[in-house]
Amino acid sequence: MTGKAEMKSKHLLVLHTGVLIYSVSAVFIKLAAGTGLFSLRFFLFCCLSLLSLMLYALIWQRVLNFLALSTAYINRSAVFLWNTLFSFFVFAEKITIKQIAGVIVIIVGVMLVVSDDG
């Protein structure tokens, strides 16, 4: 791998770490929804979600210095993969074949865009 390709891979890894953190914020919000409105747990989960979003925003701003906006933005689609996994493993929600197919299409699309983005 060339130096430029290695750097791009590192920036994409950082971006996907940010996307994972962004997805975790949705988990915290769903956990907050399962508590009493304005309870201590409600505020705790909302604050954790907000902190996750703030960390994601910092990562996003940093990554945009190194990746094209179109590349960075299409990679945000990976959030659908993380949300599907979290819904299954954390919340024991049913995942359908159509959802799995949709996630596969999204991931293949992201891979096509990233591989074409010299």
C-alpha atoms as a PDB file:
ATOM      1  CA  MET A   1       0.000   0.000   0.000  1.00  0.00           C
ATOM      2  CA  THR A   2       1.325   3.424  -0.907  1.00  0.00           C
ATOM      3  CA  GLY A   3       1.784   6.191   1.627  1.00  0.00           C
ATOM      4  CA  LYS A   4      -1.265   8.053   0.290  1.00  0.00           C
ATOM      5  CA  ALA A   5      -3.422   4.915   0.395  1.00  0.00           C
ATOM      6  CA  GLU A   6      -2.255   4.173   3.957  1.00  0.00           C
ATOM      7  CA  MET A   7      -3.188   7.675   5.083  1.00  0.00           C
ATOM      8  CA  LYS A   8      -6.599   7.389   3.443  1.00  0.00           C
ATOM      9  CA  SER A   9      -7.154   4.051   5.184  1.00  0.00           C
ATOM     10  CA  LYS A  10      -6.246   5.599   8.537  1.00  0.00           C
ATOM     11  CA  HIS A  11      -8.639   8.498   7.975  1.00  0.00           C
ATOM     12  CA  LEU A  12     -11.409   6.104   6.953  1.00  0.00           C
ATOM     13  CA  LEU A  13     -10.796   4.055  10.100  1.00  0.00           C
ATOM     14  CA  VAL A  14     -11.095   7.211  12.206  1.00  0.00           C
ATOM     15  CA  LEU A  15     -14.253   8.151  10.305  1.00  0.00           C
ATOM     16  CA  HIS A  16     -15.806   4.734  10.896  1.00  0.00           C
ATOM     17  CA  THR A  17     -14.922   4.954  14.578  1.00  0.00           C
ATOM     18  CA  GLY A  18     -16.860   8.214  14.583  1.00  0.00           C
ATOM     19  CA  VAL A  19     -19.785   6.581  12.781  1.00  0.00           C
ATOM     20  CA  LEU A  20     -19.814   3.837  15.420  1.00  0.00           C
ATOM     21  CA  ILE A  21     -19.895   6.500  18.159  1.00  0.00           C
ATOM     22  CA  TYR A  22     -22.729   8.250  16.307  1.00  0.00           C
ATOM     23  CA  SER A  23     -24.653   4.985  16.272  1.00  0.00           C
ATOM     24  CA  VAL A  24     -24.061   4.482  20.003  1.00  0.00           C
ATOM     25  CA  SER A  25     -25.825   7.804  20.601  1.00  0.00           C
ATOM     26  CA  ALA A  26     -28.999   6.229  19.157  1.00  0.00           C
ATOM     27  CA  VAL A  27     -28.630   3.315  21.582  1.00  0.00           C
ATOM     28  CA  PHE A  28     -28.504   5.757  24.504  1.00  0.00           C
ATOM     29  CA  ILE A  29     -31.618   7.549  23.247  1.00  0.00           C
ATOM     30  CA  LYS A  30     -33.503   4.259  22.936  1.00  0.00           C
ATOM     31  CA  LEU A  31     -32.404   3.346  26.464  1.00  0.00           C
ATOM     32  CA  ALA A  32     -33.641   6.753  27.654  1.00  0.00           C
ATOM     33  CA  ALA A  33     -36.998   6.075  26.032  1.00  0.00           C
ATOM     34  CA  GLY A  34     -37.379   2.976  28.206  1.00  0.00           C
ATOM     35  CA  THR A  35     -37.085   4.929  31.436  1.00  0.00           C
ATOM     36  CA  GLY A  36     -39.455   7.236  33.218  1.00  0.00           C
ATOM     37  CA  LEU A  37     -39.633  10.655  31.626  1.00  0.00           C
ATOM     38  CA  PHE A  38     -37.348  13.064  33.503  1.00  0.00           C
ATOM     39  CA  SER A  39     -36.000  10.298  35.740  1.00  0.00           C
ATOM     40  CA  LEU A  40     -32.327  10.195  36.682  1.00  0.00           C
ATOM     41  CA  ARG A  41     -31.728   7.354  34.193  1.00  0.00           C
ATOM     42  CA  PHE A  42     -33.504   9.352  31.480  1.00  0.00           C
ATOM     43  CA  PHE A  43     -31.129  12.290  31.984  1.00  0.00           C
ATOM     44  CA  LEU A  44     -28.117   9.993  32.253  1.00  0.00           C
ATOM     45  CA  PHE A  45     -28.860   8.300  28.919  1.00  0.00           C
ATOM     46  CA  CYS A  46     -29.672  11.634  27.257  1.00  0.00           C
ATOM     47  CA  CYS A  47     -26.389  13.108  28.499  1.00  0.00           C
ATOM     48  CA  LEU A  48     -24.462  10.070  27.276  1.00  0.00           C
ATOM     49  CA  SER A  49     -26.135  10.438  23.894  1.00  0.00           C
ATOM     50  CA  LEU A  50     -25.240  14.116  23.768  1.00  0.00           C
ATOM     51  CA  LEU A  51     -21.626  13.372  24.700  1.00  0.00           C
ATOM     52  CA  SER A  52     -21.483  10.725  21.979  1.00  0.00           C
ATOM     53  CA  LEU A  53     -22.794  13.210  19.431  1.00  0.00           C
ATOM     54  CA  MET A  54     -20.264  15.829  20.544  1.00  0.00           C
ATOM     55  CA  LEU A  55     -17.395  13.360  20.181  1.00  0.00           C
ATOM     56  CA  TYR A  56     -18.713  12.325  16.771  1.00  0.00           C
ATOM     57  CA  ALA A  57     -18.881  15.990  15.686  1.00  0.00           C
ATOM     58  CA  LEU A  58     -15.246  16.512  16.681  1.00  0.00           C
ATOM     59  CA  ILE A  59     -14.154  13.405  14.770  1.00  0.00           C
ATOM     60  CA  TRP A  60     -16.264  14.442  11.761  1.00  0.00           C
ATOM     61  CA  GLN A  61     -14.698  17.916  11.655  1.00  0.00           C
ATOM     62  CA  ARG A  62     -11.200  16.466  11.895  1.00  0.00           C
ATOM     63  CA  VAL A  63     -11.792  13.864   9.167  1.00  0.00           C
ATOM     64  CA  LEU A  64     -13.157  16.479   6.770  1.00  0.00           C
ATOM     65  CA  ASN A  65      -9.681  18.026   6.728  1.00  0.00           C
ATOM     66  CA  PHE A  66      -8.366  14.886   5.045  1.00  0.00           C
ATOM     67  CA  LEU A  67     -11.220  13.288   3.089  1.00  0.00           C
ATOM     68  CA  ALA A  68     -13.456  14.659   0.385  1.00  0.00           C
ATOM     69  CA  LEU A  69     -16.919  15.527   1.688  1.00  0.00           C
ATOM     70  CA  SER A  70     -18.510  13.092  -0.769  1.00  0.00           C
ATOM     71  CA  THR A  71     -16.301  10.256   0.493  1.00  0.00           C
ATOM     72  CA  ALA A  72     -16.854  11.096   4.140  1.00  0.00           C
ATOM     73  CA  TYR A  73     -20.596  11.504   3.741  1.00  0.00           C
ATOM     74  CA  ILE A  74     -21.169   8.236   1.861  1.00  0.00           C
ATOM     75  CA  ASN A  75     -19.260   6.420   4.604  1.00  0.00           C
ATOM     76  CA  ARG A  76     -21.771   7.696   7.157  1.00  0.00           C
ATOM     77  CA  SER A  77     -24.139   5.163   5.615  1.00  0.00           C
ATOM     78  CA  ALA A  78     -22.334   2.525   7.675  1.00  0.00           C
ATOM     79  CA  VAL A  79     -24.491   3.737  10.566  1.00  0.00           C
ATOM     80  CA  PHE A  80     -27.218   1.458   9.188  1.00  0.00           C
ATOM     81  CA  LEU A  81     -24.966  -1.555   9.781  1.00  0.00           C
ATOM     82  CA  TRP A  82     -24.188  -0.517  13.356  1.00  0.00           C
ATOM     83  CA  ASN A  83     -27.804   0.339  14.162  1.00  0.00           C
ATOM     84  CA  THR A  84     -28.955  -3.026  12.834  1.00  0.00           C
ATOM     85  CA  LEU A  85     -26.352  -4.856  14.906  1.00  0.00           C
ATOM     86  CA  PHE A  86     -27.175  -2.856  18.037  1.00  0.00           C
ATOM     87  CA  SER A  87     -30.901  -3.406  17.600  1.00  0.00           C
ATOM     88  CA  PHE A  88     -30.321  -7.159  17.393  1.00  0.00           C
ATOM     89  CA  PHE A  89     -27.645  -7.618  20.077  1.00  0.00           C
ATOM     90  CA  VAL A  90     -28.588  -4.902  22.576  1.00  0.00           C
ATOM     91  CA  PHE A  91     -32.362  -4.779  22.230  1.00  0.00           C
ATOM     92  CA  ALA A  92     -33.039  -8.315  20.918  1.00  0.00           C
ATOM     93  CA  GLU A  93     -35.091  -6.891  18.058  1.00  0.00           C
ATOM     94  CA  LYS A  94     -35.985  -9.046  15.080  1.00  0.00           C
ATOM     95  CA  ILE A  95     -33.933  -8.449  11.945  1.00  0.00           C
ATOM     96  CA  THR A  96     -35.548  -9.320   8.617  1.00  0.00           C
ATOM     97  CA  ILE A  97     -33.950 -10.644   5.453  1.00  0.00           C
ATOM     98  CA  LYS A  98     -34.879  -7.368   3.730  1.00  0.00           C
ATOM     99  CA  GLN A  99     -33.013  -5.393   6.390  1.00  0.00           C
ATOM    100  CA  ILE A 100     -29.952  -7.594   5.985  1.00  0.00           C
ATOM    101  CA  ALA A 101     -30.129  -7.236   2.196  1.00  0.00           C
ATOM    102  CA  GLY A 102     -30.458  -3.468   2.553  1.00  0.00           C
ATOM    103  CA  VAL A 103     -27.401  -3.256   4.794  1.00  0.00           C
ATOM    104  CA  ILE A 104     -25.403  -5.392   2.343  1.00  0.00           C
ATOM    105  CA  VAL A 105     -26.395  -3.103  -0.548  1.00  0.00           C
ATOM    106  CA  ILE A 106     -25.355  -0.057   1.489  1.00  0.00           C
ATOM    107  CA  ILE A 107     -21.978  -1.539   2.439  1.00  0.00           C
ATOM    108  CA  VAL A 108     -21.260  -2.611  -1.155  1.00  0.00           C
ATOM    109  CA  GLY A 109     -22.177   0.897  -2.307  1.00  0.00           C
ATOM    110  CA  VAL A 110     -19.814   2.450   0.229  1.00  0.00           C
ATOM    111  CA  MET A 111     -17.025   0.110  -0.869  1.00  0.00           C
ATOM    112  CA  LEU A 112     -17.596   1.024  -4.530  1.00  0.00           C
ATOM    113  CA  VAL A 113     -17.451   4.755  -3.826  1.00  0.00           C
ATOM    114  CA  VAL A 114     -14.374   4.504  -1.612  1.00  0.00           C
ATOM    115  CA  SER A 115     -12.518   2.267  -4.082  1.00  0.00           C
ATOM    116  CA  ASP A 116     -13.314   4.692  -6.923  1.00  0.00           C
ATOM    117  CA  ASP A 117     -12.214   7.758  -4.956  1.00  0.00           C
ATOM    118  CA  GLY A 118      -8.554   7.975  -5.912  1.00  0.00           C
END
